[in-house]
N, C-alpha and C. Protein backbone atom coordinates (compact mmCIF):
# COMPACT_ATOMS: atom_id res chain seq x y z
N MET A 1 112.23 -121.59 -121.48
CA MET A 1 112.94 -120.31 -121.03
C MET A 1 113.66 -120.97 -119.60
N TRP A 2 112.94 -121.24 -118.82
CA TRP A 2 113.64 -121.59 -117.35
C TRP A 2 114.90 -122.82 -117.86
N VAL A 3 114.48 -123.58 -118.67
CA VAL A 3 115.98 -124.59 -119.08
C VAL A 3 116.83 -123.99 -119.54
N ILE A 4 116.92 -122.70 -120.52
CA ILE A 4 117.78 -121.87 -120.70
C ILE A 4 118.56 -121.41 -119.71
N PHE A 5 117.77 -120.79 -118.81
CA PHE A 5 118.24 -119.98 -117.82
C PHE A 5 118.89 -120.99 -116.63
N ALA A 6 118.53 -122.12 -116.47
CA ALA A 6 119.21 -122.98 -115.90
C ALA A 6 120.91 -123.68 -115.97
N ILE A 7 120.63 -123.59 -117.65
CA ILE A 7 121.76 -124.21 -118.04
C ILE A 7 122.82 -122.92 -117.97
N ALA A 8 122.36 -121.68 -118.51
CA ALA A 8 123.32 -120.75 -118.68
C ALA A 8 123.86 -120.00 -116.94
N PHE A 9 122.85 -120.54 -115.86
CA PHE A 9 123.34 -120.36 -114.70
C PHE A 9 124.47 -121.43 -114.21
N ALA A 10 124.38 -122.31 -114.42
CA ALA A 10 125.03 -123.77 -114.29
C ALA A 10 126.55 -123.15 -114.76
N VAL A 11 126.51 -123.35 -116.05
CA VAL A 11 127.88 -122.66 -116.61
C VAL A 11 128.80 -121.82 -116.38
N SER A 12 127.94 -120.53 -115.98
CA SER A 12 128.62 -119.67 -115.02
C SER A 12 128.88 -120.05 -113.50
N ALA A 13 128.62 -120.82 -113.28
CA ALA A 13 128.73 -121.17 -111.66
C ALA A 13 129.88 -122.31 -111.66
N TYR A 14 130.18 -123.00 -113.10
CA TYR A 14 130.86 -123.97 -113.28
C TYR A 14 132.48 -123.32 -113.15
N PHE A 15 132.60 -122.02 -114.33
CA PHE A 15 133.50 -121.32 -114.58
C PHE A 15 133.99 -120.51 -112.97
N ILE A 16 133.08 -120.15 -112.32
CA ILE A 16 133.50 -119.24 -111.28
C ILE A 16 134.14 -120.46 -110.29
N TYR A 17 133.76 -121.48 -109.91
CA TYR A 17 134.35 -122.62 -109.38
C TYR A 17 135.61 -122.93 -110.01
N CYS A 18 135.60 -122.98 -111.17
CA CYS A 18 137.08 -123.68 -111.65
C CYS A 18 138.27 -122.09 -111.30
N ALA A 19 137.42 -120.94 -111.47
CA ALA A 19 138.22 -119.76 -111.48
C ALA A 19 138.87 -119.81 -109.70
N SER A 20 137.97 -120.34 -108.69
CA SER A 20 138.04 -120.09 -107.55
C SER A 20 139.21 -121.27 -107.19
N HIS A 21 139.51 -122.42 -107.93
CA HIS A 21 140.21 -123.42 -107.85
C HIS A 21 141.37 -122.94 -108.69
N ARG A 22 141.94 -121.90 -109.27
CA ARG A 22 143.15 -121.39 -109.87
C ARG A 22 143.42 -121.90 -111.13
N LYS A 23 142.35 -122.22 -111.56
CA LYS A 23 142.17 -122.23 -113.45
C LYS A 23 142.27 -121.16 -114.34
N ASN A 24 143.10 -120.73 -114.79
CA ASN A 24 143.63 -119.77 -115.13
C ASN A 24 142.72 -119.69 -116.48
N TRP A 25 142.40 -120.75 -117.28
CA TRP A 25 141.51 -120.54 -118.40
C TRP A 25 139.88 -120.26 -117.93
N ALA A 26 139.77 -120.36 -116.66
CA ALA A 26 138.72 -120.11 -116.51
C ALA A 26 138.51 -118.60 -116.30
N ARG A 27 138.97 -118.02 -115.60
CA ARG A 27 139.47 -116.58 -115.41
C ARG A 27 139.15 -115.67 -116.42
N ILE A 28 139.97 -116.39 -117.68
CA ILE A 28 140.28 -115.66 -119.11
C ILE A 28 138.68 -115.61 -119.66
N VAL A 29 138.12 -116.96 -119.74
CA VAL A 29 136.91 -117.35 -119.81
C VAL A 29 135.80 -115.96 -119.41
N LEU A 30 135.81 -115.95 -118.09
CA LEU A 30 134.83 -115.30 -117.35
C LEU A 30 135.00 -113.51 -117.92
N LEU A 31 136.20 -113.52 -118.28
CA LEU A 31 136.62 -112.41 -118.67
C LEU A 31 135.94 -111.85 -120.13
N ILE A 32 136.41 -112.81 -120.87
CA ILE A 32 135.50 -112.48 -122.43
C ILE A 32 134.40 -112.66 -122.43
N LEU A 33 133.43 -113.58 -121.42
CA LEU A 33 132.05 -113.53 -121.60
C LEU A 33 131.68 -112.15 -120.81
N THR A 34 132.34 -111.64 -120.15
CA THR A 34 131.70 -110.59 -119.57
C THR A 34 132.08 -109.29 -120.55
N LEU A 35 133.06 -109.40 -121.24
CA LEU A 35 133.09 -108.35 -122.31
C LEU A 35 132.22 -108.34 -123.32
N ALA A 36 132.17 -109.42 -123.53
CA ALA A 36 131.05 -109.79 -124.68
C ALA A 36 129.66 -109.29 -124.43
N THR A 37 128.99 -109.78 -123.17
CA THR A 37 128.05 -109.33 -122.74
C THR A 37 127.93 -107.95 -122.79
N VAL A 38 128.54 -107.17 -122.18
CA VAL A 38 128.89 -105.71 -122.21
C VAL A 38 128.64 -105.12 -123.33
N VAL A 39 129.45 -105.36 -124.61
CA VAL A 39 129.49 -105.06 -126.16
C VAL A 39 128.09 -105.41 -126.46
N MET A 40 127.90 -106.58 -126.39
CA MET A 40 126.61 -106.85 -127.06
C MET A 40 125.44 -106.21 -126.41
N TYR A 41 125.44 -105.58 -125.15
CA TYR A 41 124.40 -104.82 -124.39
C TYR A 41 124.42 -103.29 -125.16
N LEU A 42 125.97 -102.85 -125.51
CA LEU A 42 126.09 -101.88 -125.77
C LEU A 42 125.73 -101.60 -127.42
N ALA A 43 126.18 -102.44 -128.16
CA ALA A 43 125.76 -102.79 -129.52
C ALA A 43 124.30 -102.54 -129.62
N TRP A 44 123.40 -103.37 -129.05
CA TRP A 44 121.39 -103.44 -129.43
C TRP A 44 121.40 -102.87 -127.79
N LEU A 45 121.65 -101.37 -127.92
CA LEU A 45 120.87 -100.96 -126.81
C LEU A 45 119.23 -100.80 -127.19
N PRO A 46 118.68 -101.29 -125.78
CA PRO A 46 117.08 -101.12 -125.93
C PRO A 46 116.49 -99.74 -125.96
N GLU A 47 115.45 -99.73 -126.75
CA GLU A 47 115.17 -98.42 -126.73
C GLU A 47 114.53 -98.19 -125.52
N TRP A 48 114.51 -96.55 -125.04
CA TRP A 48 113.80 -96.29 -124.00
C TRP A 48 112.08 -96.44 -123.87
N GLY A 49 111.82 -96.99 -122.80
CA GLY A 49 110.62 -97.10 -122.55
C GLY A 49 110.19 -99.05 -123.07
N ASP A 50 111.34 -99.23 -123.86
CA ASP A 50 110.66 -100.92 -124.14
C ASP A 50 111.03 -101.76 -122.76
N GLU A 51 111.92 -101.61 -122.12
CA GLU A 51 111.98 -102.18 -120.75
C GLU A 51 111.98 -101.33 -119.48
N PRO A 52 111.85 -101.98 -118.65
CA PRO A 52 111.50 -101.23 -117.25
C PRO A 52 112.68 -100.51 -116.82
N TRP A 53 113.01 -99.18 -116.20
CA TRP A 53 114.25 -98.87 -115.76
C TRP A 53 114.80 -99.54 -114.84
N TRP A 54 113.84 -100.47 -113.80
CA TRP A 54 114.68 -101.34 -112.99
C TRP A 54 115.74 -102.35 -114.17
N SER A 55 115.28 -102.67 -115.02
CA SER A 55 115.69 -103.76 -115.73
C SER A 55 117.48 -103.27 -116.10
N THR A 56 117.34 -101.94 -116.75
CA THR A 56 118.52 -101.41 -117.03
C THR A 56 119.48 -101.19 -115.72
N VAL A 57 118.94 -100.55 -114.86
CA VAL A 57 119.74 -100.73 -113.72
C VAL A 57 120.23 -101.64 -113.06
N LEU A 58 119.85 -102.44 -113.17
CA LEU A 58 120.10 -104.38 -112.72
C LEU A 58 121.12 -104.63 -113.44
N PHE A 59 121.09 -104.01 -115.04
CA PHE A 59 122.10 -105.03 -115.79
C PHE A 59 123.05 -103.89 -115.49
N CYS A 60 123.66 -102.73 -115.70
CA CYS A 60 124.00 -101.82 -115.12
C CYS A 60 125.17 -102.23 -113.71
N VAL A 61 124.44 -102.44 -112.79
CA VAL A 61 124.80 -102.83 -111.48
C VAL A 61 125.79 -104.43 -111.49
N THR A 62 124.84 -105.43 -112.18
CA THR A 62 125.21 -106.45 -112.35
C THR A 62 126.83 -106.36 -113.43
N ALA A 63 127.00 -105.71 -114.35
CA ALA A 63 128.13 -105.09 -114.98
C ALA A 63 129.26 -104.67 -114.28
N ILE A 64 128.73 -103.74 -113.41
CA ILE A 64 130.01 -103.09 -112.63
C ILE A 64 130.46 -104.17 -111.70
N MET A 65 129.68 -104.88 -110.72
CA MET A 65 130.07 -105.86 -110.22
C MET A 65 130.93 -106.61 -110.80
N ASP A 66 130.41 -107.41 -111.69
CA ASP A 66 131.17 -108.49 -112.69
C ASP A 66 132.71 -107.91 -112.71
N ILE A 67 132.70 -106.24 -113.43
CA ILE A 67 134.15 -105.93 -113.96
C ILE A 67 134.51 -106.00 -112.45
N VAL A 68 134.31 -105.30 -111.56
CA VAL A 68 135.37 -105.14 -110.46
C VAL A 68 135.58 -106.96 -109.64
N ALA A 69 135.08 -107.45 -109.73
CA ALA A 69 135.24 -109.22 -109.31
C ALA A 69 136.62 -109.26 -110.26
N LEU A 70 136.36 -109.40 -111.62
CA LEU A 70 137.21 -109.43 -113.02
C LEU A 70 138.84 -108.86 -112.44
N PHE A 71 138.59 -107.74 -112.18
CA PHE A 71 139.94 -106.64 -111.87
C PHE A 71 140.40 -107.34 -110.69
N TRP A 72 139.46 -107.85 -109.47
CA TRP A 72 140.74 -108.13 -108.37
C TRP A 72 141.20 -109.64 -108.63
N LEU A 73 140.38 -110.39 -110.17
CA LEU A 73 141.06 -111.55 -110.03
C LEU A 73 142.11 -110.98 -110.64
N PHE A 74 142.50 -110.22 -111.93
CA PHE A 74 144.13 -110.14 -112.46
C PHE A 74 144.85 -109.25 -111.77
N TYR A 75 144.42 -108.05 -110.97
CA TYR A 75 145.31 -107.61 -110.23
C TYR A 75 145.12 -107.60 -108.96
N GLY A 76 146.05 -106.93 -108.06
CA GLY A 76 146.38 -107.22 -106.32
C GLY A 76 146.49 -108.53 -105.86
N GLU A 77 145.77 -108.47 -104.93
CA GLU A 77 145.92 -109.98 -104.27
C GLU A 77 145.58 -111.26 -105.14
N GLY A 78 144.63 -110.81 -105.95
CA GLY A 78 144.12 -112.03 -106.61
C GLY A 78 144.95 -112.06 -107.72
N GLY A 79 145.67 -111.55 -108.28
CA GLY A 79 146.67 -111.47 -109.06
C GLY A 79 148.13 -112.33 -108.80
N LYS A 80 148.48 -111.94 -107.67
CA LYS A 80 149.56 -112.83 -106.61
C LYS A 80 148.84 -113.77 -106.69
N TRP A 81 147.81 -114.00 -106.21
CA TRP A 81 147.36 -115.74 -105.80
C TRP A 81 147.42 -116.14 -107.11
N TYR A 82 147.01 -115.92 -108.22
CA TYR A 82 147.31 -116.89 -109.49
C TYR A 82 148.54 -116.85 -109.98
N ALA A 83 149.39 -116.03 -109.70
CA ALA A 83 150.90 -115.98 -109.73
C ALA A 83 151.82 -116.92 -109.22
N ALA A 84 151.18 -116.88 -107.93
CA ALA A 84 152.17 -117.97 -106.95
C ALA A 84 151.75 -119.47 -107.19
N HIS A 85 150.69 -119.62 -108.44
CA HIS A 85 150.28 -120.76 -108.55
C HIS A 85 151.13 -121.75 -109.52
N THR A 86 151.70 -120.68 -110.52
CA THR A 86 152.11 -120.99 -111.85
C THR A 86 153.81 -121.40 -111.70
C-alpha cells in the first residue's frame, strides 16, 4: 500500500512540477485527473458510517483546494502566464 501511495504522490508531484514550468499538457492532465477523482467519488459515495466523518471532510477540502488551484492555472494571472509562453 505504501508503494502505491508513493508512486501516486510522485506522479502527482511530477505533473505539478511540469505545470510550474509552463507545460500546458501537464495542467490539462491535472484538470482531467482532478475531475475524474471528483466524479468517481460522487459516483461511488461511501455509505454514512463506513468512513469516519473527518475522511469525508478531508476529501472535500482537498478537492476544493485542487479546483481552486486549477482555476488559477486556467484563468486570471495564471492563464495569462501560460498564454505569454505560447
